[in-house]
C-alpha atoms as a PDB file:
ATOM      1  CA  UNK A   1     113.013  85.366 108.827  1.00  0.00           C
ATOM      2  CA  UNK A   2     112.799  82.007 110.631  1.00  0.00           C
ATOM      3  CA  UNK A   3     109.330  80.626 111.241  1.00  0.00           C
ATOM      4  CA  UNK A   4     108.209  80.884 114.872  1.00  0.00           C
ATOM      5  CA  UNK A   5     105.446  78.978 116.655  1.00  0.00           C
ATOM      6  CA  UNK A   6     103.831  79.863 119.950  1.00  0.00           C
ATOM      7  CA  UNK A   7     100.610  79.207 121.799  1.00  0.00           C
ATOM      8  CA  UNK A   8      97.758  81.616 122.456  1.00  0.00           C
ATOM      9  CA  UNK A   9      95.624  81.003 125.546  1.00  0.00           C
ATOM     10  CA  UNK A  10      92.263  82.638 126.165  1.00  0.00           C
ATOM     11  CA  UNK A  11      92.771  82.039 129.900  1.00  0.00           C
ATOM     12  CA  UNK A  12      89.182  81.005 130.625  1.00  0.00           C
ATOM     13  CA  UNK A  13      88.082  79.445 133.892  1.00  0.00           C
ATOM     14  CA  UNK A  14      84.839  77.748 134.810  1.00  0.00           C
ATOM     15  CA  UNK A  15      83.874  75.583 137.804  1.00  0.00           C
ATOM     16  CA  UNK A  16      81.653  73.390 135.626  1.00  0.00           C
ATOM     17  CA  UNK A  17      81.915  69.663 135.101  1.00  0.00           C
ATOM     18  CA  UNK A  18      85.047  68.543 133.288  1.00  0.00           C
ATOM     19  CA  UNK A  19      86.909  71.834 133.661  1.00  0.00           C
ATOM     20  CA  UNK A  20      90.530  71.618 134.792  1.00  0.00           C
ATOM     21  CA  UNK A  21      90.596  75.400 135.357  1.00  0.00           C
ATOM     22  CA  UNK A  22      88.000  76.185 137.988  1.00  0.00           C
ATOM     23  CA  UNK A  23      89.143  79.536 139.418  1.00  0.00           C
ATOM     24  CA  UNK A  24      91.003  82.676 138.420  1.00  0.00           C
ATOM     25  CA  UNK A  25      94.020  81.460 140.370  1.00  0.00           C
ATOM     26  CA  UNK A  26      93.946  78.183 138.442  1.00  0.00           C
ATOM     27  CA  UNK A  27      93.998  80.115 135.167  1.00  0.00           C
ATOM     28  CA  UNK A  28      96.984  82.203 136.223  1.00  0.00           C
ATOM     29  CA  UNK A  29      99.068  79.404 137.727  1.00  0.00           C
ATOM     30  CA  UNK A  30      98.388  77.061 134.817  1.00  0.00           C
ATOM     31  CA  UNK A  31      99.260  79.810 132.319  1.00  0.00           C
ATOM     32  CA  UNK A  32     102.721  80.034 133.856  1.00  0.00           C
ATOM     33  CA  UNK A  33     103.087  76.252 133.937  1.00  0.00           C
ATOM     34  CA  UNK A  34     102.096  75.917 130.277  1.00  0.00           C
ATOM     35  CA  UNK A  35     104.607  78.593 129.278  1.00  0.00           C
ATOM     36  CA  UNK A  36     107.353  76.678 131.094  1.00  0.00           C
ATOM     37  CA  UNK A  37     106.329  73.454 129.349  1.00  0.00           C
ATOM     38  CA  UNK A  38     106.201  75.196 125.963  1.00  0.00           C
ATOM     39  CA  UNK A  39     109.728  76.508 126.390  1.00  0.00           C
ATOM     40  CA  UNK A  40     110.941  73.022 127.264  1.00  0.00           C
ATOM     41  CA  UNK A  41     109.315  71.720 124.062  1.00  0.00           C
ATOM     42  CA  UNK A  42     111.216  74.311 122.023  1.00  0.00           C
ATOM     43  CA  UNK A  43     108.311  76.594 121.158  1.00  0.00           C
ATOM     44  CA  UNK A  44     109.005  80.266 120.528  1.00  0.00           C
ATOM     45  CA  UNK A  45     106.163  82.107 122.253  1.00  0.00           C
ATOM     46  CA  UNK A  46     103.587  82.152 125.068  1.00  0.00           C
ATOM     47  CA  UNK A  47     100.761  84.597 124.342  1.00  0.00           C
ATOM     48  CA  UNK A  48      97.630  85.412 126.320  1.00  0.00           C
ATOM     49  CA  UNK A  49      94.276  86.980 125.496  1.00  0.00           C
ATOM     50  CA  UNK A  50      93.095  89.953 127.583  1.00  0.00           C
ATOM     51  CA  UNK A  51      89.432  90.566 128.446  1.00  0.00           C
ATOM     52  CA  UNK A  52      87.539  92.545 131.072  1.00  0.00           C
ATOM     53  CA  UNK A  53      84.393  91.775 133.067  1.00  0.00           C
ATOM     54  CA  UNK A  54      84.624  88.086 132.123  1.00  0.00           C
ATOM     55  CA  UNK A  55      86.078  84.899 133.685  1.00  0.00           C
ATOM     56  CA  UNK A  56      89.223  85.206 131.580  1.00  0.00           C
ATOM     57  CA  UNK A  57      92.678  86.688 131.981  1.00  0.00           C
ATOM     58  CA  UNK A  58      92.577  90.469 132.443  1.00  0.00           C
ATOM     59  CA  UNK A  59      95.422  92.851 133.469  1.00  0.00           C
ATOM     60  CA  UNK A  60      98.318  90.995 131.809  1.00  0.00           C
ATOM     61  CA  UNK A  61     101.534  92.415 133.233  1.00  0.00           C
ATOM     62  CA  UNK A  62     101.691  90.513 136.547  1.00  0.00           C
ATOM     63  CA  UNK A  63     101.177  87.274 134.602  1.00  0.00           C
ATOM     64  CA  UNK A  64     103.781  88.195 131.976  1.00  0.00           C
ATOM     65  CA  UNK A  65     106.300  89.059 134.704  1.00  0.00           C
ATOM     66  CA  UNK A  66     105.622  85.727 136.421  1.00  0.00           C
ATOM     67  CA  UNK A  67     106.204  83.889 133.131  1.00  0.00           C
ATOM     68  CA  UNK A  68     109.399  85.871 132.614  1.00  0.00           C
ATOM     69  CA  UNK A  69     110.656  84.785 136.033  1.00  0.00           C
ATOM     70  CA  UNK A  70     110.131  81.087 135.255  1.00  0.00           C
ATOM     71  CA  UNK A  71     111.505  81.054 131.690  1.00  0.00           C
ATOM     72  CA  UNK A  72     114.642  82.259 129.933  1.00  0.00           C
ATOM     73  CA  UNK A  73     114.145  82.104 126.166  1.00  0.00           C
ATOM     74  CA  UNK A  74     110.507  82.025 125.083  1.00  0.00           C
ATOM     75  CA  UNK A  75     108.800  85.197 123.878  1.00  0.00           C
ATOM     76  CA  UNK A  76     105.944  86.365 126.101  1.00  0.00           C
ATOM     77  CA  UNK A  77     103.101  88.442 124.811  1.00  0.00           C
ATOM     78  CA  UNK A  78      99.457  89.365 124.492  1.00  0.00           C
ATOM     79  CA  UNK A  79      96.897  88.884 121.796  1.00  0.00           C
ATOM     80  CA  UNK A  80      95.441  91.469 122.384  1.00  0.00           C
ATOM     81  CA  UNK A  81      95.184  94.279 124.948  1.00  0.00           C
ATOM     82  CA  UNK A  82      92.102  96.467 124.390  1.00  0.00           C
ATOM     83  CA  UNK A  83      93.587  99.967 124.359  1.00  0.00           C
ATOM     84  CA  UNK A  84      90.247 101.610 125.164  1.00  0.00           C
ATOM     85  CA  UNK A  85      90.704 100.463 128.763  1.00  0.00           C
ATOM     86  CA  UNK A  86      94.333 101.477 129.257  1.00  0.00           C
ATOM     87  CA  UNK A  87      96.026 104.421 130.940  1.00  0.00           C
ATOM     88  CA  UNK A  88      98.763 104.859 128.312  1.00  0.00           C
ATOM     89  CA  UNK A  89     101.509 106.155 130.605  1.00  0.00           C
ATOM     90  CA  UNK A  90     100.918 103.678 133.420  1.00  0.00           C
ATOM     91  CA  UNK A  91     100.826 100.926 130.813  1.00  0.00           C
ATOM     92  CA  UNK A  92     104.112 102.219 129.379  1.00  0.00           C
ATOM     93  CA  UNK A  93     105.756 101.939 132.795  1.00  0.00           C
ATOM     94  CA  UNK A  94     104.372  98.423 133.331  1.00  0.00           C
ATOM     95  CA  UNK A  95     105.459  97.310 129.863  1.00  0.00           C
ATOM     96  CA  UNK A  96     108.984  98.662 130.250  1.00  0.00           C
ATOM     97  CA  UNK A  97     109.426  97.054 133.660  1.00  0.00           C
ATOM     98  CA  UNK A  98     108.104  93.711 132.448  1.00  0.00           C
ATOM     99  CA  UNK A  99     110.342  93.804 129.373  1.00  0.00           C
ATOM    100  CA  UNK A 100     113.411  94.525 131.478  1.00  0.00           C
ATOM    101  CA  UNK A 101     112.584  91.628 133.797  1.00  0.00           C
ATOM    102  CA  UNK A 102     112.049  89.430 130.732  1.00  0.00           C
ATOM    103  CA  UNK A 103     115.376  90.454 129.163  1.00  0.00           C
ATOM    104  CA  UNK A 104     113.688  91.990 126.093  1.00  0.00           C
ATOM    105  CA  UNK A 105     111.334  89.071 125.373  1.00  0.00           C
ATOM    106  CA  UNK A 106     108.065  91.043 125.526  1.00  0.00           C
ATOM    107  CA  UNK A 107     105.849  91.069 122.405  1.00  0.00           C
ATOM    108  CA  UNK A 108     102.727  93.170 123.039  1.00  0.00           C
ATOM    109  CA  UNK A 109      99.670  92.731 120.850  1.00  0.00           C
ATOM    110  CA  UNK A 110      97.259  95.646 121.205  1.00  0.00           C
ATOM    111  CA  UNK A 111      94.156  96.893 119.366  1.00  0.00           C
ATOM    112  CA  UNK A 112      90.698  98.386 119.735  1.00  0.00           C
ATOM    113  CA  UNK A 113      89.614  95.075 121.161  1.00  0.00           C
ATOM    114  CA  UNK A 114      86.919  92.528 120.413  1.00  0.00           C
ATOM    115  CA  UNK A 115      83.216  92.437 121.336  1.00  0.00           C
ATOM    116  CA  UNK A 116      82.911  92.512 125.123  1.00  0.00           C
ATOM    117  CA  UNK A 117      80.488  91.416 127.816  1.00  0.00           C
ATOM    118  CA  UNK A 118      80.049  94.894 129.315  1.00  0.00           C
ATOM    119  CA  UNK A 119      78.159  97.739 127.672  1.00  0.00           C
ATOM    120  CA  UNK A 120      80.744 100.493 127.167  1.00  0.00           C
ATOM    121  CA  UNK A 121      83.004  98.777 129.656  1.00  0.00           C
ATOM    122  CA  UNK A 122      85.851 101.241 129.148  1.00  0.00           C
ATOM    123  CA  UNK A 123      83.591 103.997 130.485  1.00  0.00           C
ATOM    124  CA  UNK A 124      83.562 102.175 133.831  1.00  0.00           C
ATOM    125  CA  UNK A 125      87.362 102.451 133.726  1.00  0.00           C
ATOM    126  CA  UNK A 126      87.001 106.219 133.329  1.00  0.00           C
ATOM    127  CA  UNK A 127      87.259 106.661 129.558  1.00  0.00           C
ATOM    128  CA  UNK A 128      84.480 108.264 127.503  1.00  0.00           C
ATOM    129  CA  UNK A 129      84.296 107.580 123.781  1.00  0.00           C
ATOM    130  CA  UNK A 130      82.094 107.851 120.717  1.00  0.00           C
ATOM    131  CA  UNK A 131      80.927 105.053 118.432  1.00  0.00           C
ATOM    132  CA  UNK A 132      83.026 101.904 118.978  1.00  0.00           C
ATOM    133  CA  UNK A 133      85.956 103.577 120.732  1.00  0.00           C
ATOM    134  CA  UNK A 134      88.349 103.195 117.806  1.00  0.00           C
ATOM    135  CA  UNK A 135      89.510 106.804 118.035  1.00  0.00           C
ATOM    136  CA  UNK A 136      90.096 106.433 121.779  1.00  0.00           C
ATOM    137  CA  UNK A 137      92.112 103.241 121.274  1.00  0.00           C
ATOM    138  CA  UNK A 138      94.294 104.896 118.647  1.00  0.00           C
ATOM    139  CA  UNK A 139      94.862 107.990 120.808  1.00  0.00           C
ATOM    140  CA  UNK A 140      95.875 105.836 123.772  1.00  0.00           C
ATOM    141  CA  UNK A 141      98.146 103.829 121.475  1.00  0.00           C
ATOM    142  CA  UNK A 142      99.857 106.934 120.107  1.00  0.00           C
ATOM    143  CA  UNK A 143     100.700 108.186 123.598  1.00  0.00           C
ATOM    144  CA  UNK A 144     101.764 104.735 124.806  1.00  0.00           C
ATOM    145  CA  UNK A 145     104.107 104.218 121.859  1.00  0.00           C
ATOM    146  CA  UNK A 146     105.609 107.681 122.253  1.00  0.00           C
ATOM    147  CA  UNK A 147     106.251 107.011 125.944  1.00  0.00           C
ATOM    148  CA  UNK A 148     108.009 103.667 125.465  1.00  0.00           C
ATOM    149  CA  UNK A 149     110.103 105.237 122.696  1.00  0.00           C
ATOM    150  CA  UNK A 150     111.433 107.813 125.175  1.00  0.00           C
ATOM    151  CA  UNK A 151     109.388 110.911 124.353  1.00  0.00           C
ATOM    152  CA  UNK A 152     108.935 113.551 127.022  1.00  0.00           C
ATOM    153  CA  UNK A 153     105.363 113.348 128.254  1.00  0.00           C
ATOM    154  CA  UNK A 154     105.266 115.540 131.394  1.00  0.00           C
ATOM    155  CA  UNK A 155     106.839 118.923 132.154  1.00  0.00           C
ATOM    156  CA  UNK A 156     109.621 118.912 134.732  1.00  0.00           C
ATOM    157  CA  UNK A 157     109.198 120.825 137.992  1.00  0.00           C
ATOM    158  CA  UNK A 158     112.432 122.815 138.259  1.00  0.00           C
ATOM    159  CA  UNK A 159     112.031 122.958 142.057  1.00  0.00           C
ATOM    160  CA  UNK A 160     112.528 119.193 142.097  1.00  0.00           C
ATOM    161  CA  UNK A 161     115.046 118.860 139.261  1.00  0.00           C
ATOM    162  CA  UNK A 162     117.688 121.348 140.320  1.00  0.00           C
ATOM    163  CA  UNK A 163     116.422 123.982 137.932  1.00  0.00           C
ATOM    164  CA  UNK A 164     116.314 121.702 134.908  1.00  0.00           C
ATOM    165  CA  UNK A 165     113.331 122.365 132.674  1.00  0.00           C
ATOM    166  CA  UNK A 166     111.786 120.425 129.813  1.00  0.00           C
ATOM    167  CA  UNK A 167     109.701 117.334 129.272  1.00  0.00           C
ATOM    168  CA  UNK A 168     110.270 114.167 131.273  1.00  0.00           C
ATOM    169  CA  UNK A 169     109.893 110.656 129.930  1.00  0.00           C
ATOM    170  CA  UNK A 170     108.607 107.619 131.775  1.00  0.00           C
ATOM    171  CA  UNK A 171     111.121 105.568 133.742  1.00  0.00           C
ATOM    172  CA  UNK A 172     112.528 103.038 133.353  1.00  0.00           C
ATOM    173  CA  UNK A 173     112.992 102.765 129.612  1.00  0.00           C
ATOM    174  CA  UNK A 174     113.447  99.408 127.863  1.00  0.00           C
ATOM    175  CA  UNK A 175     115.409  99.868 124.613  1.00  0.00           C
ATOM    176  CA  UNK A 176     113.909  98.074 121.640  1.00  0.00           C
ATOM    177  CA  UNK A 177     110.441  97.605 123.123  1.00  0.00           C
ATOM    178  CA  UNK A 178     108.958 100.115 120.683  1.00  0.00           C
ATOM    179  CA  UNK A 179     109.737  97.705 117.806  1.00  0.00           C
ATOM    180  CA  UNK A 180     107.911  94.845 119.556  1.00  0.00           C
ATOM    181  CA  UNK A 181     104.395  96.284 119.509  1.00  0.00           C
ATOM    182  CA  UNK A 182     101.798  94.479 117.356  1.00  0.00           C
ATOM    183  CA  UNK A 183      98.391  95.736 116.235  1.00  0.00           C
ATOM    184  CA  UNK A 184      95.552  93.236 116.063  1.00  0.00           C
ATOM    185  CA  UNK A 185      93.982  93.894 112.671  1.00  0.00           C
ATOM    186  CA  UNK A 186      90.688  92.501 111.435  1.00  0.00           C
ATOM    187  CA  UNK A 187      90.569  94.045 107.945  1.00  0.00           C
ATOM    188  CA  UNK A 188      92.838  94.787 105.026  1.00  0.00           C
ATOM    189  CA  UNK A 189      92.375  98.518 105.613  1.00  0.00           C
ATOM    190  CA  UNK A 190      93.502  98.415 109.250  1.00  0.00           C
ATOM    191  CA  UNK A 191      96.424  96.220 108.209  1.00  0.00           C
ATOM    192  CA  UNK A 192      97.574  98.966 105.837  1.00  0.00           C
ATOM    193  CA  UNK A 193      97.159 101.521 108.639  1.00  0.00           C
ATOM    194  CA  UNK A 194      99.257  99.275 110.900  1.00  0.00           C
ATOM    195  CA  UNK A 195     102.002  99.158 108.295  1.00  0.00           C
ATOM    196  CA  UNK A 196     102.060 102.930 107.953  1.00  0.00           C
ATOM    197  CA  UNK A 197     102.291 103.244 111.738  1.00  0.00           C
ATOM    198  CA  UNK A 198     105.320 100.942 111.876  1.00  0.00           C
ATOM    199  CA  UNK A 199     103.819  98.295 114.154  1.00  0.00           C
ATOM    200  CA  UNK A 200     103.972  94.545 113.643  1.00  0.00           C
ATOM    201  CA  UNK A 201     100.793  92.835 112.431  1.00  0.00           C
ATOM    202  CA  UNK A 202      98.751  90.363 114.472  1.00  0.00           C
ATOM    203  CA  UNK A 203      95.941  88.702 112.535  1.00  0.00           C
ATOM    204  CA  UNK A 204      93.615  86.183 114.167  1.00  0.00           C
ATOM    205  CA  UNK A 205      91.172  83.487 113.100  1.00  0.00           C
ATOM    206  CA  UNK A 206      88.574  85.997 111.938  1.00  0.00           C
ATOM    207  CA  UNK A 207      88.407  88.977 109.616  1.00  0.00           C
ATOM    208  CA  UNK A 208      85.594  91.504 109.909  1.00  0.00           C
ATOM    209  CA  UNK A 209      85.092  91.516 106.149  1.00  0.00           C
ATOM    210  CA  UNK A 210      84.284  88.944 103.511  1.00  0.00           C
ATOM    211  CA  UNK A 211      85.043  89.009  99.789  1.00  0.00           C
ATOM    212  CA  UNK A 212      83.936  85.469  99.039  1.00  0.00           C
ATOM    213  CA  UNK A 213      87.419  83.952  98.799  1.00  0.00           C
ATOM    214  CA  UNK A 214      88.751  81.395 101.325  1.00  0.00           C
ATOM    215  CA  UNK A 215      89.846  82.794 104.683  1.00  0.00           C
ATOM    216  CA  UNK A 216      93.520  81.932 104.290  1.00  0.00           C
ATOM    217  CA  UNK A 217      93.706  83.667 100.898  1.00  0.00           C
ATOM    218  CA  UNK A 218      91.938  86.773 102.218  1.00  0.00           C
ATOM    219  CA  UNK A 219      94.320  86.853 105.175  1.00  0.00           C
ATOM    220  CA  UNK A 220      97.324  86.403 102.869  1.00  0.00           C
ATOM    221  CA  UNK A 221      96.116  89.420 100.889  1.00  0.00           C
ATOM    222  CA  UNK A 222      95.839  91.348 104.156  1.00  0.00           C
ATOM    223  CA  UNK A 223      99.458  90.461 104.970  1.00  0.00           C
ATOM    224  CA  UNK A 224     100.645  91.472 101.485  1.00  0.00           C
ATOM    225  CA  UNK A 225      98.957  94.866 101.785  1.00  0.00           C
ATOM    226  CA  UNK A 226     100.411  95.357 105.251  1.00  0.00           C
ATOM    227  CA  UNK A 227     103.974  94.641 104.141  1.00  0.00           C
ATOM    228  CA  UNK A 228     103.629  96.965 101.155  1.00  0.00           C
ATOM    229  CA  UNK A 229     102.371  99.792 103.378  1.00  0.00           C
ATOM    230  CA  UNK A 230     105.171  99.173 105.895  1.00  0.00           C
ATOM    231  CA  UNK A 231     107.812  99.291 103.151  1.00  0.00           C
ATOM    232  CA  UNK A 232     106.323 102.389 101.519  1.00  0.00           C
ATOM    233  CA  UNK A 233     106.423 104.196 104.882  1.00  0.00           C
ATOM    234  CA  UNK A 234     110.184 103.582 105.086  1.00  0.00           C
ATOM    235  CA  UNK A 235     110.397 102.309 108.648  1.00  0.00           C
ATOM    236  CA  UNK A 236     113.801 100.764 108.043  1.00  0.00           C
ATOM    237  CA  UNK A 237     113.356  97.351 109.637  1.00  0.00           C
ATOM    238  CA  UNK A 238     111.780  94.023 108.766  1.00  0.00           C
ATOM    239  CA  UNK A 239     108.292  93.786 110.240  1.00  0.00           C
ATOM    240  CA  UNK A 240     106.814  90.706 111.853  1.00  0.00           C
ATOM    241  CA  UNK A 241     103.449  89.112 111.125  1.00  0.00           C
ATOM    242  CA  UNK A 242     101.550  86.546 113.171  1.00  0.00           C
ATOM    243  CA  UNK A 243      98.439  84.532 112.405  1.00  0.00           C
ATOM    244  CA  UNK A 244      96.566  82.283 114.815  1.00  0.00           C
ATOM    245  CA  UNK A 245      95.040  78.897 114.090  1.00  0.00           C
ATOM    246  CA  UNK A 246      93.106  76.259 116.022  1.00  0.00           C
ATOM    247  CA  UNK A 247      95.150  73.100 115.419  1.00  0.00           C
ATOM    248  CA  UNK A 248      93.898  70.011 117.240  1.00  0.00           C
ATOM    249  CA  UNK A 249      95.793  66.767 116.517  1.00  0.00           C
ATOM    250  CA  UNK A 250      93.595  63.718 117.053  1.00  0.00           C
ATOM    251  CA  UNK A 251      95.652  60.758 118.258  1.00  0.00           C
ATOM    252  CA  UNK A 252      93.622  59.326 121.165  1.00  0.00           C
ATOM    253  CA  UNK A 253      90.020  58.552 122.038  1.00  0.00           C
ATOM    254  CA  UNK A 254      90.082  61.578 124.344  1.00  0.00           C
ATOM    255  CA  UNK A 255      91.084  63.846 121.442  1.00  0.00           C
ATOM    256  CA  UNK A 256      88.366  62.286 119.302  1.00  0.00           C
ATOM    257  CA  UNK A 257      85.762  62.941 122.000  1.00  0.00           C
ATOM    258  CA  UNK A 258      86.680  66.622 122.156  1.00  0.00           C
ATOM    259  CA  UNK A 259      87.472  67.483 118.535  1.00  0.00           C
ATOM    260  CA  UNK A 260      86.340  64.706 116.225  1.00  0.00           C
ATOM    261  CA  UNK A 261      88.292  63.477 113.236  1.00  0.00           C
ATOM    262  CA  UNK A 262      87.892  66.150 110.615  1.00  0.00           C
ATOM    263  CA  UNK A 263      88.772  69.751 109.983  1.00  0.00           C
ATOM    264  CA  UNK A 264      85.949  72.210 109.577  1.00  0.00           C
ATOM    265  CA  UNK A 265      85.300  74.814 106.915  1.00  0.00           C
ATOM    266  CA  UNK A 266      85.419  78.596 106.891  1.00  0.00           C
ATOM    267  CA  UNK A 267      82.344  80.218 108.382  1.00  0.00           C
ATOM    268  CA  UNK A 268      80.705  83.504 107.438  1.00  0.00           C
ATOM    269  CA  UNK A 269      78.587  85.443 109.932  1.00  0.00           C
ATOM    270  CA  UNK A 270      77.815  88.826 111.444  1.00  0.00           C
ATOM    271  CA  UNK A 271      80.142  90.186 114.145  1.00  0.00           C
ATOM    272  CA  UNK A 272      79.677  93.679 115.598  1.00  0.00           C
ATOM    273  CA  UNK A 273      77.201  94.352 112.785  1.00  0.00           C
ATOM    274  CA  UNK A 274      79.722  93.485 110.062  1.00  0.00           C
ATOM    275  CA  UNK A 275      79.814  90.504 107.725  1.00  0.00           C
ATOM    276  CA  UNK A 276      82.854  88.536 108.856  1.00  0.00           C
ATOM    277  CA  UNK A 277      84.772  85.465 107.742  1.00  0.00           C
ATOM    278  CA  UNK A 278      86.022  83.005 110.374  1.00  0.00           C
ATOM    279  CA  UNK A 279      88.896  80.616 109.760  1.00  0.00           C
ATOM    280  CA  UNK A 280      88.333  76.890 110.095  1.00  0.00           C
ATOM    281  CA  UNK A 281      89.482  74.595 112.879  1.00  0.00           C
ATOM    282  CA  UNK A 282      92.188  72.117 111.885  1.00  0.00           C
ATOM    283  CA  UNK A 283      91.321  68.820 113.608  1.00  0.00           C
ATOM    284  CA  UNK A 284      92.386  65.348 112.593  1.00  0.00           C
ATOM    285  CA  UNK A 285      95.382  63.015 112.369  1.00  0.00           C
ATOM    286  CA  UNK A 286      98.749  64.833 112.557  1.00  0.00           C
ATOM    287  CA  UNK A 287      99.798  63.904 109.011  1.00  0.00           C
ATOM    288  CA  UNK A 288      96.542  65.365 107.663  1.00  0.00           C
ATOM    289  CA  UNK A 289      97.043  68.573 109.651  1.00  0.00           C
ATOM    290  CA  UNK A 290     100.613  68.892 108.420  1.00  0.00           C
ATOM    291  CA  UNK A 291      99.419  68.672 104.822  1.00  0.00           C
ATOM    292  CA  UNK A 292      96.582  71.162 105.371  1.00  0.00           C
ATOM    293  CA  UNK A 293      98.713  73.733 107.211  1.00  0.00           C
ATOM    294  CA  UNK A 294     101.426  73.531 104.562  1.00  0.00           C
ATOM    295  CA  UNK A 295      98.786  74.628 102.034  1.00  0.00           C
ATOM    296  CA  UNK A 296      97.443  77.494 104.175  1.00  0.00           C
ATOM    297  CA  UNK A 297      98.379  80.665 102.286  1.00  0.00           C
ATOM    298  CA  UNK A 298      98.484  82.945 105.337  1.00  0.00           C
ATOM    299  CA  UNK A 299     100.477  80.474 107.448  1.00  0.00           C
ATOM    300  CA  UNK A 300     103.048  80.426 104.643  1.00  0.00           C
ATOM    301  CA  UNK A 301     103.189  84.241 104.521  1.00  0.00           C
ATOM    302  CA  UNK A 302     103.421  84.882 108.285  1.00  0.00           C
ATOM    303  CA  UNK A 303     106.645  84.503 110.235  1.00  0.00           C
ATOM    304  CA  UNK A 304     104.796  83.533 113.435  1.00  0.00           C
ATOM    305  CA  UNK A 305     102.004  80.999 113.969  1.00  0.00           C
ATOM    306  CA  UNK A 306     100.064  81.151 117.238  1.00  0.00           C
ATOM    307  CA  UNK A 307      98.239  77.959 118.191  1.00  0.00           C
ATOM    308  CA  UNK A 308      95.056  78.611 120.151  1.00  0.00           C
ATOM    309  CA  UNK A 309      94.901  76.078 122.971  1.00  0.00           C
ATOM    310  CA  UNK A 310      91.836  74.735 124.832  1.00  0.00           C
ATOM    311  CA  UNK A 311      93.202  75.962 128.140  1.00  0.00           C
ATOM    312  CA  UNK A 312      90.346  74.615 130.281  1.00  0.00           C
ATOM    313  CA  UNK A 313      91.479  71.068 129.488  1.00  0.00           C
ATOM    314  CA  UNK A 314      94.516  71.695 131.692  1.00  0.00           C
ATOM    315  CA  UNK A 315      98.300  71.859 131.434  1.00  0.00           C
ATOM    316  CA  UNK A 316      98.940  68.150 130.903  1.00  0.00           C
ATOM    317  CA  UNK A 317      96.504  67.905 127.987  1.00  0.00           C
ATOM    318  CA  UNK A 318      97.782  71.065 126.301  1.00  0.00           C
ATOM    319  CA  UNK A 319     101.411  70.072 126.773  1.00  0.00           C
ATOM    320  CA  UNK A 320     100.683  66.802 124.977  1.00  0.00           C
ATOM    321  CA  UNK A 321      98.808  68.699 122.243  1.00  0.00           C
ATOM    322  CA  UNK A 322     101.733  71.078 121.707  1.00  0.00           C
ATOM    323  CA  UNK A 323     104.237  68.224 121.757  1.00  0.00           C
ATOM    324  CA  UNK A 324     102.318  66.440 118.992  1.00  0.00           C
ATOM    325  CA  UNK A 325     102.297  69.632 116.918  1.00  0.00           C
ATOM    326  CA  UNK A 326     106.019  70.150 117.504  1.00  0.00           C
ATOM    327  CA  UNK A 327     106.972  66.628 116.492  1.00  0.00           C
ATOM    328  CA  UNK A 328     104.475  65.729 113.763  1.00  0.00           C
ATOM    329  CA  UNK A 329     102.922  68.896 112.305  1.00  0.00           C
ATOM    330  CA  UNK A 330     105.242  71.900 112.565  1.00  0.00           C
ATOM    331  CA  UNK A 331     108.098  70.543 110.390  1.00  0.00           C
ATOM    332  CA  UNK A 332     105.715  70.681 107.407  1.00  0.00           C
ATOM    333  CA  UNK A 333     105.661  74.481 107.603  1.00  0.00           C
ATOM    334  CA  UNK A 334     109.422  74.829 107.939  1.00  0.00           C
ATOM    335  CA  UNK A 335     109.695  75.105 111.718  1.00  0.00           C
ATOM    336  CA  UNK A 336     112.314  73.521 113.950  1.00  0.00           C
ATOM    337  CA  UNK A 337     112.430  73.512 117.775  1.00  0.00           C
ATOM    338  CA  UNK A 338     114.732  76.033 119.404  1.00  0.00           C
ATOM    339  CA  UNK A 339     116.153  73.841 122.160  1.00  0.00           C
END
């Protein structure tokens, strides 16, 4: 499978000094503009984080539809939607409609979600759950996936269907969307579960476990276990795997002011009460980054690399950042622009 590269934006906004994204409208409009610029550069994907009760991008489908209307080739997706908050059937309708408008370019990353600013925020959306909501997220996901695959989910009223009985599916349907759902996995165990379920794997810059080995090697092991579980389950297609990385080429004094001249190291800490390993930031001259990324075990194993962008620095800055990666870094990992 050809290597793909896209960007992943957290969609933050802040009216503070130096911010180029001061309002929610700024974040939305600039997200569309960056996706257009990324397509022109030959990138493969425009992905957006989803959060609630925070100054970041939230309900993603209006944004994804707007990106679809302004582009023609680039994949559009999420990384990730917290399924604890979602009405599965309404989400299935929104996803199908957006995918049809995008001409089958939708790639939806979903999961239980990450630590949030609200205490039991999904309860405010009307959903009760125990513990961390993992069971609720999986139940919502099961119904959502069934709906987009065409399963009947509501009994027909024969008075309105000319006497026809049976279960009705959501409308419209978007063929193929069911194979473009990704689960955001933070451990090797959930990666194996994802493989058994037949979803694609989305792995980020942190894993909520630590075995003492470097992050990229632990993530590569996660990918290997996922692919084995997917194959053993006999799903009959080739799965996709994405990893995300912070890659900051330093070529100007402005870059140096923001990111310095050196890549960092893995970090180990506690997240949600679990010992976790965080991947390093790649920052430095483009030739150094090319060499380092080419050695990254998980980047080699994944078919898709998502570059996390500092979105609050604005569209012009991030377009230049992505252009530098496209021209001077990405060829080292076997990627070529699609234009």
